[in-house]
Structures are given as C-alpha cells and as structure tokens.
Amino acid sequence: MRRASSVIVAAVLLAGCSGLGVSPAPTVAATTSTTEASTTSTIATTTTEATTTTASPYARPAWLGTRPLPLGPDGTPLPQPTPPELEDREFETIDYLPPPPDDRFVSTIGPIPDDVLARSTWSEECPVALDELSYVTVSHFGFDGKVHTGEIIVNASVADDIVSAFHKLYDARFPIEQMRVASQADLDAPPTGDGNVTGSFVCRPSVGSTSWSQHAYGLAVDINPFQNPYVKGDVLIPELASSYTDRDWVRPGMIFEGDIVFEAFTDIGWTWGGDWNTLKDRMHFSENGH
C-alpha cells in the first residue's frame, strides 16, 4: 500500500446530493355557513419528487488550466507540488471532433484544412513548408473508456507511420486524455503546469535552446505529457507533474520501456526520450532521436 501522503483522489466518485423529499400537504376544508347556502373550498396539494445527481468519476477540476504558476527570477515557471486531484490523473476527454461511429479504428491523412491552419502555430518563419505537413486524425481511447477522435499535424513523410503507431495504441486501449493541434494561444498563455495534450507539430525551439525542436518539423510526438514529464535537474515540465516522477507507482497513461507505446514507436524506427542520459523526456518520441 502507498504511503498515506499519496492519497489518490483524481478518480474518486463524488456522491450526488439528493434533493429533500417534500411530503404532500394535507387537504384543508374551509366551510362557510349562512342561512341560505353552505360552500366548501379545498386547497390543492402538490408533491415535488427528489432527484439525485452523480458526478462523473472522470470529471475535470473546474480550476484546471486557470491557475498561473509563480515565476522564478529568470521568468521561468517554478515547479509546484502535485495537487491531490492530479496524483492519479484520469480525466474525461473533451470532444473537439465527432467521435467515430463505432468501435473500429478510423484514421485520415490529408492537407491541413484552412480552419485548422488558422488555429495552428505554423507561419512562414517555421523551418518546414506547409506542403511538407499533413493533417491526421485517429481514433483513440480516453481515460473515460470511451472512443474519441484525435487530431495531429505531422510531417507528411511520416504520416503513415504515425497512423500505424496510434493504431497499435488503440488496439491496446492505451488511454490518451486529449489529442489536438496546439495553437498560438496555447503557447502565449501563462503557464499553469497542468496541461496534458498529446500532439506533434509545434513551431517552437527545443527546451532551453534557440535551435528548432523536432516538433517544429512535425517529426516528434509527445504522449500524455502529465503522466510522462520532462525532467532535467530542477526543470520539470509540466510543472505540477512531480507525482509522476515516481515511476515505481504505476498508473494509467504512463510510458515505460518495452510497453505498447514504446514498441509502437520504436517499430517505426523512432527513439524514446525516456532512454536519454542527461535528461528524461518520457512523453517524447522522435525520428532522429532528438
């Protein structure tokens, strides 16, 4: 059994509040007598039925994504203890795209639609041309046990391989909390340290560097970042994910050497950041090992 301080609360079923039952009001008769007539008036009664509402065990905390982190002297966000609600994180997936019609794996590969491009981070300053990228959608399971449709922008040269890898994750029912295209607003927002979006293309430099990240080429994928954080010395990303640096406490969505996620991406020739020596980037898979 885990130590008492590691209380798992993220998937606790919250008991619903039952409304108070209202007993029927008694029938009251009022009689008025005169020498000529007698009239009886009855007060109508109503009954309100009690209702019970039960919160989903996968419900997301209302504060998620709304509490900016404190910043250090150099302006970088400071790691904070993992909130109890996030120690065993299994939240429902928000459906930005319609879910598949049935339980069969569904995927699409094509040019980036104009509306998706408009909300992406691509610009002419990025190190990859627009026609070198593909818009991919795939079916995936969420932590809620339901099937969802995720979206991702990747380099067109690896699109088929990426679909193949996510097909294997789907067959294994590996849970992914959220899979969507990163926007410029996401990059510009104050860091809250609790994000958990699976994705690929983001036009940005590598962490702690001025060189382009492999994400800027669509040649890297991050999966469940919160369950598989980046760790280098005192640097932790996401900053509230310290609970998940304990890899002996195995929870859903985590990635380990030899598991289905590791095998799905190494089978297409990609390298896992969890095998690196100078740092651990367990969310990260890339074509060239960077």
Protein backbone atom coordinates (compact mmCIF):
# COMPACT_ATOMS: atom_id res chain seq x y z
CA MET A 1 0.00 0.00 0.00
CA ARG A 2 1.22 3.51 -0.82
CA ARG A 3 2.23 5.84 1.98
CA ALA A 4 -0.60 7.82 3.49
CA SER A 5 0.55 11.12 1.98
CA SER A 6 -0.08 9.84 -1.53
CA VAL A 7 -3.84 9.98 -1.37
CA ILE A 8 -5.39 9.14 -4.70
CA VAL A 9 -8.36 11.35 -5.27
CA ALA A 10 -8.47 12.07 -9.02
CA ALA A 11 -10.83 9.18 -9.79
CA VAL A 12 -12.99 9.32 -6.68
CA LEU A 13 -16.70 9.05 -7.40
CA LEU A 14 -18.34 12.09 -5.91
CA ALA A 15 -21.65 11.22 -4.25
CA GLY A 16 -24.54 13.27 -5.61
CA CYS A 17 -26.70 15.40 -3.34
CA SER A 18 -30.26 14.17 -3.00
CA GLY A 19 -32.96 16.79 -3.01
CA LEU A 20 -35.15 16.92 0.09
CA GLY A 21 -38.37 14.98 -0.30
CA VAL A 22 -41.49 17.11 0.12
CA SER A 23 -44.36 15.40 1.86
CA PRO A 24 -47.82 16.04 0.42
CA ALA A 25 -49.58 18.95 2.11
CA PRO A 26 -52.78 17.98 3.93
CA THR A 27 -56.15 18.74 2.40
CA VAL A 28 -57.77 21.60 4.26
CA ALA A 29 -61.52 22.19 4.08
CA ALA A 30 -62.90 25.66 4.74
CA THR A 31 -66.69 25.81 5.26
CA THR A 32 -68.78 28.97 5.32
CA SER A 33 -72.34 28.69 6.56
CA THR A 34 -75.21 31.06 6.07
CA THR A 35 -78.92 30.65 6.43
CA GLU A 36 -79.20 30.22 2.67
CA ALA A 37 -76.17 28.12 1.49
CA SER A 38 -73.05 26.23 2.54
CA THR A 39 -69.82 26.47 0.47
CA THR A 40 -66.75 24.17 0.80
CA SER A 41 -63.28 25.20 -0.60
CA THR A 42 -60.39 22.70 -0.90
CA ILE A 43 -56.69 23.75 -1.11
CA ALA A 44 -54.88 21.85 -3.91
CA THR A 45 -51.79 19.82 -2.99
CA THR A 46 -48.51 19.37 -4.93
CA THR A 47 -45.64 16.92 -4.47
CA THR A 48 -42.04 17.59 -5.53
CA GLU A 49 -40.05 14.46 -6.33
CA ALA A 50 -36.46 14.18 -5.09
CA THR A 51 -33.72 13.95 -7.74
CA THR A 52 -30.17 12.62 -7.41
CA THR A 53 -27.21 13.80 -9.50
CA THR A 54 -23.94 11.84 -9.50
CA ALA A 55 -20.74 13.48 -10.70
CA SER A 56 -18.61 11.61 -13.23
CA PRO A 57 -15.54 9.93 -11.70
CA TYR A 58 -13.62 11.34 -14.69
CA ALA A 59 -14.76 14.94 -14.23
CA ARG A 60 -12.06 17.58 -14.69
CA PRO A 61 -11.44 20.01 -11.80
CA ALA A 62 -13.03 23.37 -12.52
CA TRP A 63 -9.72 25.13 -11.86
CA LEU A 64 -7.73 23.10 -14.41
CA GLY A 65 -5.77 25.40 -16.69
CA THR A 66 -6.76 28.56 -14.82
CA ARG A 67 -4.08 29.00 -12.13
CA PRO A 68 -0.85 30.55 -13.46
CA LEU A 69 2.36 29.34 -11.83
CA PRO A 70 4.76 31.55 -9.87
CA LEU A 71 7.82 32.57 -11.88
CA GLY A 72 11.46 32.42 -10.91
CA PRO A 73 13.94 35.32 -11.20
CA ASP A 74 14.64 34.38 -14.81
CA GLY A 75 10.93 34.36 -15.67
CA THR A 76 10.57 30.59 -15.97
CA PRO A 77 7.68 28.87 -14.17
CA LEU A 78 8.56 27.15 -10.91
CA PRO A 79 7.60 23.50 -10.26
CA GLN A 80 4.97 23.06 -7.56
CA PRO A 81 3.70 20.02 -5.60
CA THR A 82 1.17 17.93 -7.49
CA PRO A 83 -2.39 18.77 -6.35
CA PRO A 84 -4.14 15.70 -4.88
CA GLU A 85 -6.68 15.72 -7.73
CA LEU A 86 -3.84 15.17 -10.23
CA GLU A 87 -1.84 12.47 -8.44
CA ASP A 88 -3.74 9.73 -10.26
CA ARG A 89 -4.96 11.67 -13.27
CA GLU A 90 -7.74 10.01 -15.25
CA PHE A 91 -9.91 12.77 -16.71
CA GLU A 92 -12.57 12.63 -19.38
CA THR A 93 -11.71 13.64 -22.94
CA ILE A 94 -13.24 16.80 -24.39
CA ASP A 95 -14.57 16.01 -27.87
CA TYR A 96 -13.42 18.74 -30.25
CA LEU A 97 -14.18 16.41 -33.18
CA PRO A 98 -17.07 13.98 -33.60
CA PRO A 99 -16.26 10.54 -32.16
CA PRO A 100 -16.07 7.55 -34.51
CA PRO A 101 -19.41 5.96 -35.46
CA ASP A 102 -18.41 2.60 -33.96
CA ASP A 103 -15.55 0.81 -32.21
CA ARG A 104 -13.45 0.31 -35.35
CA PHE A 105 -10.20 2.29 -35.66
CA VAL A 106 -10.61 5.19 -38.09
CA SER A 107 -7.88 7.43 -39.50
CA THR A 108 -7.49 10.15 -42.13
CA ILE A 109 -4.44 11.77 -43.74
CA GLY A 110 -4.61 14.89 -45.87
CA PRO A 111 -3.59 18.53 -46.37
CA ILE A 112 -4.12 20.87 -43.42
CA PRO A 113 -7.61 22.43 -43.70
CA ASP A 114 -7.71 26.22 -43.69
CA ASP A 115 -9.54 26.42 -40.35
CA VAL A 116 -7.01 24.08 -38.71
CA LEU A 117 -4.10 26.03 -40.18
CA ALA A 118 -5.57 29.26 -38.80
CA ARG A 119 -5.51 27.89 -35.25
CA SER A 120 -2.13 26.17 -35.54
CA THR A 121 1.32 27.58 -34.77
CA TRP A 122 2.53 27.40 -38.38
CA SER A 123 3.84 30.53 -40.09
CA GLU A 124 6.21 31.25 -42.94
CA GLU A 125 9.02 31.62 -40.38
CA CYS A 126 8.76 27.94 -39.42
CA PRO A 127 11.52 25.59 -40.66
CA VAL A 128 9.07 23.41 -42.62
CA ALA A 129 6.92 24.34 -45.61
CA LEU A 130 3.17 23.99 -45.39
CA ASP A 131 3.05 21.36 -48.13
CA GLU A 132 5.51 19.25 -46.11
CA LEU A 133 2.94 18.78 -43.35
CA SER A 134 -0.16 16.57 -43.12
CA TYR A 135 -3.29 16.76 -41.01
CA VAL A 136 -4.01 13.40 -39.39
CA THR A 137 -6.99 12.20 -37.39
CA VAL A 138 -7.08 8.90 -35.49
CA SER A 139 -9.38 7.07 -33.13
CA HIS A 140 -8.14 6.75 -29.55
CA PHE A 141 -9.42 5.62 -26.18
CA GLY A 142 -9.74 8.11 -23.36
CA PHE A 143 -9.28 7.52 -19.64
CA ASP A 144 -13.08 7.56 -19.54
CA GLY A 145 -13.09 4.28 -21.50
CA LYS A 146 -14.80 5.91 -24.49
CA VAL A 147 -13.59 6.15 -28.09
CA HIS A 148 -12.69 9.63 -29.32
CA THR A 149 -11.25 11.26 -32.44
CA GLY A 150 -7.88 12.95 -32.02
CA GLU A 151 -6.10 15.31 -34.41
CA ILE A 152 -2.43 15.90 -35.04
CA ILE A 153 -0.23 17.71 -37.56
CA VAL A 154 2.87 15.75 -38.59
CA ASN A 155 5.49 15.78 -41.29
CA ALA A 156 3.94 14.27 -44.41
CA SER A 157 6.88 11.89 -44.78
CA VAL A 158 5.93 10.08 -41.55
CA ALA A 159 2.13 10.34 -41.62
CA ASP A 160 1.53 6.68 -42.49
CA ASP A 161 3.94 5.53 -39.78
CA ILE A 162 2.25 7.74 -37.19
CA VAL A 163 -1.16 6.28 -38.05
CA SER A 164 0.31 2.79 -37.71
CA ALA A 165 1.68 3.59 -34.24
CA PHE A 166 -1.58 5.06 -32.97
CA HIS A 167 -3.49 2.08 -34.40
CA LYS A 168 -1.43 -0.16 -32.11
CA LEU A 169 -2.19 2.08 -29.13
CA TYR A 170 -5.88 1.90 -30.00
CA ASP A 171 -5.85 -1.89 -30.24
CA ALA A 172 -4.24 -1.99 -26.79
CA ARG A 173 -6.82 0.50 -25.45
CA PHE A 174 -3.99 2.73 -24.20
CA PRO A 175 -5.66 5.87 -22.78
CA ILE A 176 -4.92 9.35 -24.13
CA GLU A 177 -6.51 12.29 -22.33
CA GLN A 178 -6.52 14.82 -25.16
CA MET A 179 -5.13 14.83 -28.69
CA ARG A 180 -5.41 18.09 -30.59
CA VAL A 181 -3.47 20.67 -32.57
CA ALA A 182 -1.58 23.21 -30.46
CA SER A 183 -2.48 26.85 -31.06
CA GLN A 184 -0.51 30.06 -30.73
CA ALA A 185 -2.83 30.98 -27.88
CA ASP A 186 -1.68 27.83 -26.07
CA LEU A 187 1.94 28.93 -26.40
CA ASP A 188 1.23 32.51 -25.34
CA ALA A 189 -0.94 31.65 -22.32
CA PRO A 190 0.53 31.98 -18.80
CA PRO A 191 1.89 28.53 -17.83
CA THR A 192 -0.34 26.60 -15.44
CA GLY A 193 1.73 23.42 -15.31
CA ASP A 194 -1.26 21.09 -15.67
CA GLY A 195 -1.58 20.60 -19.44
CA ASN A 196 -1.88 17.12 -20.88
CA VAL A 197 -2.27 17.38 -24.66
CA THR A 198 -0.83 14.72 -26.95
CA GLY A 199 0.49 16.30 -30.14
CA SER A 200 3.28 16.69 -32.66
CA PHE A 201 3.80 19.87 -34.70
CA VAL A 202 4.52 22.99 -32.66
CA CYS A 203 6.63 25.73 -34.22
CA ARG A 204 8.98 26.36 -31.30
CA PRO A 205 12.63 25.86 -30.28
CA SER A 206 13.80 22.99 -28.11
CA VAL A 207 13.51 23.39 -24.33
CA GLY A 208 16.43 25.55 -23.12
CA SER A 209 17.72 26.13 -26.66
CA THR A 210 17.43 28.52 -29.59
CA SER A 211 17.54 25.68 -32.13
CA TRP A 212 14.34 24.40 -33.67
CA SER A 213 12.71 21.49 -31.89
CA GLN A 214 11.89 18.34 -33.84
CA HIS A 215 8.28 19.31 -33.13
CA ALA A 216 8.81 22.31 -35.42
CA TYR A 217 9.34 19.83 -38.27
CA GLY A 218 6.46 17.55 -37.30
CA LEU A 219 8.98 14.78 -36.60
CA ALA A 220 8.32 14.28 -32.89
CA VAL A 221 5.29 13.25 -30.84
CA ASP A 222 4.54 13.89 -27.14
CA ILE A 223 2.09 11.50 -25.49
CA ASN A 224 0.27 12.22 -22.20
CA PRO A 225 2.82 14.83 -21.02
CA PHE A 226 1.47 14.97 -17.47
CA GLN A 227 1.85 11.23 -16.89
CA ASN A 228 5.26 11.29 -18.61
CA PRO A 229 7.00 14.55 -17.66
CA TYR A 230 10.25 16.08 -18.87
CA VAL A 231 12.88 16.11 -16.10
CA LYS A 232 16.32 17.72 -16.20
CA GLY A 233 17.81 18.71 -12.84
CA ASP A 234 15.36 21.16 -11.28
CA VAL A 235 13.44 21.60 -14.53
CA LEU A 236 10.10 19.78 -14.60
CA ILE A 237 7.54 20.03 -17.43
CA PRO A 238 4.60 20.07 -16.78
CA GLU A 239 5.46 21.83 -13.56
CA LEU A 240 2.73 20.21 -11.44
CA ALA A 241 3.62 16.66 -12.50
CA SER A 242 6.17 15.84 -9.77
CA SER A 243 3.99 12.93 -8.59
CA TYR A 244 4.67 11.23 -11.93
CA THR A 245 8.44 11.35 -11.48
CA ASP A 246 7.83 8.38 -9.17
CA ARG A 247 7.94 5.66 -11.83
CA ASP A 248 7.52 2.87 -9.25
CA TRP A 249 3.92 3.99 -8.73
CA VAL A 250 2.43 2.71 -11.97
CA ARG A 251 -0.72 4.50 -13.13
CA PRO A 252 -2.72 4.52 -16.39
CA GLY A 253 -1.27 6.57 -19.25
CA MET A 254 2.37 6.19 -18.19
CA ILE A 255 5.03 5.02 -20.68
CA PHE A 256 7.75 2.50 -19.85
CA GLU A 257 10.49 0.84 -21.84
CA GLY A 258 9.12 -2.24 -23.55
CA ASP A 259 5.43 -1.34 -23.21
CA ILE A 260 2.96 -0.93 -26.07
CA VAL A 261 3.72 2.77 -26.64
CA PHE A 262 7.46 2.15 -26.64
CA GLU A 263 7.06 -0.75 -29.07
CA ALA A 264 4.61 1.09 -31.35
CA PHE A 265 7.06 3.94 -31.97
CA THR A 266 10.32 2.00 -31.93
CA ASP A 267 8.75 -0.31 -34.52
CA ILE A 268 8.62 2.65 -36.92
CA GLY A 269 12.26 3.47 -36.16
CA TRP A 270 11.67 6.28 -33.65
CA THR A 271 13.57 6.88 -30.40
CA TRP A 272 12.18 7.40 -26.91
CA GLY A 273 13.25 10.37 -24.77
CA GLY A 274 12.97 8.20 -21.67
CA ASP A 275 16.18 6.46 -22.73
CA TRP A 276 18.24 9.65 -22.76
CA ASN A 277 21.07 10.02 -20.22
CA THR A 278 21.40 13.73 -19.48
CA LEU A 279 17.64 14.21 -19.07
CA LYS A 280 14.42 12.21 -19.20
CA ASP A 281 11.68 13.22 -21.63
CA ARG A 282 9.32 10.28 -21.22
CA MET A 283 6.48 11.85 -23.21
CA HIS A 284 8.70 12.28 -26.27
CA PHE A 285 9.32 10.14 -29.35
CA SER A 286 11.24 11.40 -32.39
CA GLU A 287 12.51 10.22 -35.73
CA ASN A 288 16.13 11.35 -35.29
CA GLY A 289 16.48 10.77 -31.54
CA HIS A 290 16.39 14.47 -30.56
